[in-house]
Amino acid sequence: MQTTKLASYIGIAMQGGNAVIGSDNLDGYNKKLYLVLVDKQAGKTSKKVFAKLTEKGIEGCEIENLDGLTGKNIKIIAFKNKGLSEEIKKYL
């Protein structure tokens, strides 16, 4: 995993408003999502939301040290932009 490229694309998505951050925001989110990432150290709530989203057919991945990549205390993040999601998947 190339962490610098991955962190860059995640940062671009966050700054551009193409990311939905946190289990509270994602629980019950009805718009189209293309990718969801969850930290392996995430709590039960985040893991439950991750399971719900992947059951809906959204591609998901568990990664190590998600908060280190983002520079913030983030345990779950989903992406609304298809192009950015495809680029992020390349570096997972």
Protein backbone atom coordinates (compact mmCIF):
# COMPACT_ATOMS: atom_id res chain seq x y z
CA MET A 1 0.00 0.00 0.00
CA GLN A 2 1.43 3.38 -1.02
CA THR A 3 0.38 5.44 1.95
CA THR A 4 1.40 8.85 0.60
CA LYS A 5 -0.70 8.51 -2.57
CA LEU A 6 -3.59 7.02 -0.60
CA ALA A 7 -3.44 9.82 1.96
CA SER A 8 -3.35 12.39 -0.85
CA TYR A 9 -6.46 11.04 -2.56
CA ILE A 10 -8.34 10.77 0.73
CA GLY A 11 -7.36 14.36 1.53
CA ILE A 12 -8.56 15.55 -1.89
CA ALA A 13 -11.91 13.82 -1.35
CA MET A 14 -12.29 15.35 2.12
CA GLN A 15 -11.43 18.88 0.96
CA GLY A 16 -13.67 18.62 -2.08
CA GLY A 17 -16.69 17.52 -0.08
CA ASN A 18 -16.70 14.06 -1.68
CA ALA A 19 -16.32 12.17 1.58
CA VAL A 20 -18.84 11.28 4.27
CA ILE A 21 -17.05 10.90 7.60
CA GLY A 22 -18.19 9.11 10.74
CA SER A 23 -20.68 6.41 11.60
CA ASP A 24 -23.32 8.95 12.69
CA ASN A 25 -23.29 10.59 9.26
CA LEU A 26 -23.20 7.30 7.36
CA ASP A 27 -25.93 5.52 9.31
CA GLY A 28 -29.03 5.99 7.21
CA TYR A 29 -27.20 7.84 4.42
CA ASN A 30 -29.37 7.50 1.30
CA LYS A 31 -27.29 8.94 -1.53
CA LYS A 32 -24.93 7.00 -3.84
CA LEU A 33 -21.62 5.90 -2.33
CA TYR A 34 -18.84 4.11 -4.20
CA LEU A 35 -16.35 3.06 -1.52
CA VAL A 36 -16.26 2.80 2.25
CA LEU A 37 -13.13 2.41 4.38
CA VAL A 38 -13.09 1.42 8.02
CA ASP A 39 -10.17 1.26 10.44
CA LYS A 40 -9.36 -2.20 11.80
CA GLN A 41 -9.35 -0.66 15.29
CA ALA A 42 -12.84 0.86 14.88
CA GLY A 43 -15.53 0.30 17.47
CA LYS A 44 -18.71 -1.76 17.26
CA THR A 45 -20.86 1.06 15.90
CA SER A 46 -18.53 1.84 13.01
CA LYS A 47 -18.16 -1.85 12.16
CA LYS A 48 -21.95 -2.27 12.19
CA VAL A 49 -22.41 0.70 9.82
CA PHE A 50 -19.63 -0.72 7.60
CA ALA A 51 -21.43 -4.08 7.47
CA LYS A 52 -24.74 -2.40 6.53
CA LEU A 53 -23.13 -0.43 3.71
CA THR A 54 -21.30 -3.42 2.26
CA GLU A 55 -24.52 -5.46 2.38
CA LYS A 56 -26.10 -2.77 0.19
CA GLY A 57 -23.46 -3.52 -2.44
CA ILE A 58 -21.02 -0.70 -1.70
CA GLU A 59 -17.43 -1.84 -2.02
CA GLY A 60 -15.64 -1.77 1.33
CA CYS A 61 -12.21 -2.32 2.77
CA GLU A 62 -10.75 -2.56 6.26
CA ILE A 63 -7.43 -0.77 6.53
CA GLU A 64 -4.82 -0.25 9.21
CA ASN A 65 -4.25 3.24 10.66
CA LEU A 66 -6.99 5.20 8.86
CA ASP A 67 -6.67 8.10 11.27
CA GLY A 68 -2.95 8.27 10.50
CA LEU A 69 -3.71 8.62 6.79
CA THR A 70 -6.24 11.39 7.30
CA GLY A 71 -4.49 13.24 10.11
CA LYS A 72 -7.75 13.21 12.06
CA ASN A 73 -9.48 10.79 14.40
CA ILE A 74 -11.54 9.07 11.70
CA LYS A 75 -12.60 5.44 11.99
CA ILE A 76 -14.96 5.20 9.00
CA ILE A 77 -15.15 7.18 5.76
CA ALA A 78 -17.12 6.76 2.54
CA PHE A 79 -16.67 8.39 -0.85
CA LYS A 80 -19.31 9.94 -3.12
CA ASN A 81 -17.12 10.46 -6.21
CA LYS A 82 -16.63 7.46 -8.51
CA GLY A 83 -13.34 8.66 -10.01
CA LEU A 84 -11.73 9.34 -6.64
CA SER A 85 -13.00 6.00 -5.35
CA GLU A 86 -11.36 4.18 -8.27
CA GLU A 87 -8.05 5.96 -7.63
CA ILE A 88 -8.18 5.15 -3.91
CA LYS A 89 -8.86 1.47 -4.68
CA LYS A 90 -5.66 1.33 -6.76
CA TYR A 91 -3.57 2.08 -3.68
CA LEU A 92 -5.31 -0.19 -1.15
